[in-house]
Protein backbone atom coordinates (compact mmCIF):
# COMPACT_ATOMS: atom_id res chain seq x y z
CA UNK A 1 -2.72 -3.44 3.55
CA UNK A 2 0.32 -3.21 6.17
CA UNK A 3 3.77 -5.52 5.40
CA UNK A 4 5.41 -5.75 8.46
CA UNK A 5 9.28 -7.27 8.13
CA UNK A 6 11.29 -8.95 10.32
CA UNK A 7 14.56 -8.04 10.86
CA UNK A 8 17.64 -8.60 13.31
CA UNK A 9 19.12 -5.51 15.21
CA UNK A 10 22.71 -5.22 14.87
CA UNK A 11 23.11 -1.99 16.43
CA UNK A 12 21.60 -0.08 19.26
CA UNK A 13 22.36 3.90 19.17
CA UNK A 14 20.38 6.67 21.22
CA UNK A 15 18.32 6.38 23.94
CA UNK A 16 20.21 8.34 26.29
CA UNK A 17 18.52 11.62 28.22
CA UNK A 18 14.83 12.77 27.92
CA UNK A 19 14.97 14.31 24.62
CA UNK A 20 17.02 11.62 22.47
CA UNK A 21 15.47 8.76 20.36
CA UNK A 22 16.72 5.24 20.48
CA UNK A 23 17.65 4.10 17.46
CA UNK A 24 19.17 1.05 15.73
CA UNK A 25 20.64 -0.57 12.63
CA UNK A 26 18.63 -3.99 11.35
CA UNK A 27 19.16 -6.22 9.15
CA UNK A 28 17.10 -8.23 6.86
CA UNK A 29 18.75 -10.78 3.94
CA UNK A 30 22.08 -8.48 4.19
CA UNK A 31 20.29 -5.25 3.44
CA UNK A 32 20.73 -2.79 6.14
CA UNK A 33 18.96 -0.14 7.18
CA UNK A 34 18.28 2.35 10.09
CA UNK A 35 15.29 2.09 12.56
CA UNK A 36 13.26 3.82 15.12
CA UNK A 37 13.27 1.11 18.16
CA UNK A 38 11.49 3.64 20.74
CA UNK A 39 8.29 1.76 21.10
CA UNK A 40 10.10 -1.20 21.64
CA UNK A 41 12.48 -0.64 24.34
CA UNK A 42 13.53 -3.88 26.10
CA UNK A 43 15.19 -4.99 22.43
CA UNK A 44 18.67 -5.70 22.42
CA UNK A 45 21.62 -6.47 19.82
CA UNK A 46 21.06 -9.93 18.25
CA UNK A 47 16.85 -9.86 19.07
CA UNK A 48 13.99 -9.81 15.80
CA UNK A 49 11.72 -7.03 15.23
CA UNK A 50 9.28 -6.46 12.72
CA UNK A 51 9.92 -3.16 11.02
CA UNK A 52 7.43 -0.60 9.23
CA UNK A 53 8.15 2.05 7.79
CA UNK A 54 11.05 2.63 9.60
CA UNK A 55 9.64 1.65 12.98
CA UNK A 56 10.35 -1.36 14.94
CA UNK A 57 6.71 -2.55 16.30
CA UNK A 58 7.50 -5.43 18.05
CA UNK A 59 9.83 -8.13 19.02
CA UNK A 60 9.65 -11.58 17.57
CA UNK A 61 10.48 -14.79 18.50
CA UNK A 62 13.79 -15.87 16.81
CA UNK A 63 12.55 -19.60 15.27
CA UNK A 64 9.56 -17.65 14.10
CA UNK A 65 12.23 -14.55 12.77
CA UNK A 66 14.03 -17.13 10.99
CA UNK A 67 11.33 -19.30 9.72
CA UNK A 68 9.53 -16.05 7.92
CA UNK A 69 12.73 -14.74 6.45
CA UNK A 70 13.05 -18.37 5.21
CA UNK A 71 9.56 -18.02 3.23
CA UNK A 72 10.63 -14.73 2.07
CA UNK A 73 13.86 -16.37 0.69
CA UNK A 74 11.84 -18.92 -1.11
CA UNK A 75 8.93 -16.43 -2.78
CA UNK A 76 11.67 -14.36 -4.52
CA UNK A 77 13.36 -17.50 -5.69
CA UNK A 78 10.10 -18.46 -7.32
CA UNK A 79 9.56 -15.07 -8.47
CA UNK A 80 12.89 -14.88 -10.01
CA UNK A 81 12.48 -18.47 -11.56
CA UNK A 82 9.69 -17.46 -13.33
CA UNK A 83 10.35 -14.28 -14.61
CA UNK A 84 13.36 -16.15 -16.43
CA UNK A 85 10.72 -18.56 -17.71
CA UNK A 86 9.09 -16.35 -19.73
CA UNK A 87 9.95 -14.79 -23.06
CA UNK A 88 11.09 -11.74 -23.49
CA UNK A 89 8.29 -8.99 -24.86
CA UNK A 90 7.95 -8.28 -28.10
CA UNK A 91 8.55 -4.33 -28.67
């Protein structure tokens, strides 16, 4: 099973010259990380991409990305709420 996470491209570095690898900083929910952008040469700063194990594998429609990120936030909140409602485990 694969998990691709929608992220917004914050900055792009590299990609110039024959041996330069196109990299970028991407953000999801305020968390920033480096990702390889070599597979999506058309991507610009501000675009959304699907990140899988550190590689951008496709460009994503902004509306679809925002909807997916909202669903992830809702699920995270539901999980946090359900964990607070459970009594602590006895030793």
